[in-house]
Amino acid sequence: MAIVELVARETGTDVVELAPLYDAIDPDVLDSLLRSDGFSSLEFRYEGRTVVLEDASDEVRISLQNDATADASGDVVDTESSI
């Protein structure tokens, strides 16, 4: 949900108007990857953005990159409760 909410906030779109996250990546696989000991980073496309997930100790940093601009914004998410 953290990814969908971040994209909604950044695009000014209601979360129910966005495509389901599973159209871009399997959320169950995403959860298991983020919880694995060997996770370091992952990138995928969702709603015209490149979503970048990076290991930040016991949390995951989520950054969005709009292909039209080089700007990125990010949130740090507790992997125990958010994704």
Protein backbone atom coordinates (compact mmCIF):
# COMPACT_ATOMS: atom_id res chain seq x y z
CA MET A 1 0.00 0.00 0.00
CA ALA A 2 2.89 2.37 0.70
CA ILE A 3 3.88 2.39 -2.99
CA VAL A 4 0.34 3.04 -4.21
CA GLU A 5 -0.16 5.82 -1.65
CA LEU A 6 3.14 7.49 -2.57
CA VAL A 7 2.32 7.39 -6.29
CA ALA A 8 -1.17 8.75 -5.60
CA ARG A 9 0.25 11.60 -3.53
CA GLU A 10 2.94 12.44 -6.09
CA THR A 11 0.52 12.38 -9.03
CA GLY A 12 -2.40 14.03 -7.26
CA THR A 13 -4.54 10.99 -8.05
CA ASP A 14 -6.95 9.15 -5.78
CA VAL A 15 -5.61 5.66 -4.97
CA VAL A 16 -8.76 4.03 -6.38
CA GLU A 17 -8.07 5.64 -9.76
CA LEU A 18 -4.59 4.07 -10.07
CA ALA A 19 -4.02 0.75 -11.79
CA PRO A 20 -3.71 -2.16 -9.37
CA LEU A 21 -0.13 -2.63 -8.21
CA TYR A 22 -0.27 -6.27 -9.33
CA ASP A 23 -0.45 -5.02 -12.94
CA ALA A 24 3.18 -3.90 -12.46
CA ILE A 25 4.54 -6.41 -9.94
CA ASP A 26 3.21 -9.28 -7.85
CA PRO A 27 2.72 -7.80 -4.35
CA ASP A 28 3.29 -11.19 -2.67
CA VAL A 29 6.63 -11.61 -4.43
CA LEU A 30 7.48 -8.01 -3.58
CA ASP A 31 6.74 -8.63 0.11
CA SER A 32 8.89 -11.77 0.21
CA LEU A 33 11.78 -10.02 -1.58
CA LEU A 34 11.71 -7.08 0.82
CA ARG A 35 11.76 -9.41 3.81
CA SER A 36 14.63 -11.55 2.51
CA ASP A 37 18.10 -11.17 4.04
CA GLY A 38 19.76 -10.66 0.64
CA PHE A 39 17.57 -7.75 -0.53
CA SER A 40 19.48 -4.62 -1.55
CA SER A 41 17.42 -2.85 -4.25
CA LEU A 42 14.69 -3.25 -6.86
CA GLU A 43 13.29 -1.08 -9.64
CA PHE A 44 10.04 -1.45 -11.56
CA ARG A 45 7.62 0.74 -13.55
CA TYR A 46 4.23 1.73 -12.17
CA GLU A 47 1.87 4.48 -13.36
CA GLY A 48 4.47 6.27 -15.47
CA ARG A 49 7.03 6.26 -12.68
CA THR A 50 10.09 4.19 -11.93
CA VAL A 51 9.68 2.88 -8.40
CA VAL A 52 13.03 2.33 -6.67
CA LEU A 53 13.17 0.29 -3.47
CA GLU A 54 16.45 0.28 -1.54
CA ASP A 55 17.53 -1.38 1.69
CA ALA A 56 17.93 1.16 4.51
CA SER A 57 18.86 -1.00 7.54
CA ASP A 58 15.58 -2.40 8.90
CA GLU A 59 13.55 -0.24 6.54
CA VAL A 60 13.06 0.20 2.82
CA ARG A 61 13.49 3.54 1.07
CA ILE A 62 10.93 4.09 -1.68
CA SER A 63 11.80 6.63 -4.37
CA LEU A 64 9.82 7.62 -7.44
CA GLN A 65 11.33 8.88 -10.63
CA ASN A 66 9.18 10.41 -13.32
CA ASP A 67 10.72 9.56 -16.67
CA ALA A 68 9.98 13.08 -17.89
CA THR A 69 12.05 14.64 -15.10
CA ALA A 70 15.07 13.70 -13.05
CA ASP A 71 13.30 14.66 -9.81
CA ALA A 72 12.77 11.96 -7.22
CA SER A 73 11.03 11.90 -3.90
CA GLY A 74 11.26 9.23 -1.29
CA ASP A 75 9.84 7.80 1.86
CA VAL A 76 11.36 5.38 4.33
CA VAL A 77 9.03 2.54 5.10
CA ASP A 78 9.12 0.07 7.98
CA THR A 79 9.11 -3.30 6.22
CA GLU A 80 7.51 -4.98 9.22
CA SER A 81 4.21 -3.16 8.76
CA SER A 82 3.95 -1.21 5.51
CA ILE A 83 4.49 -3.18 2.34
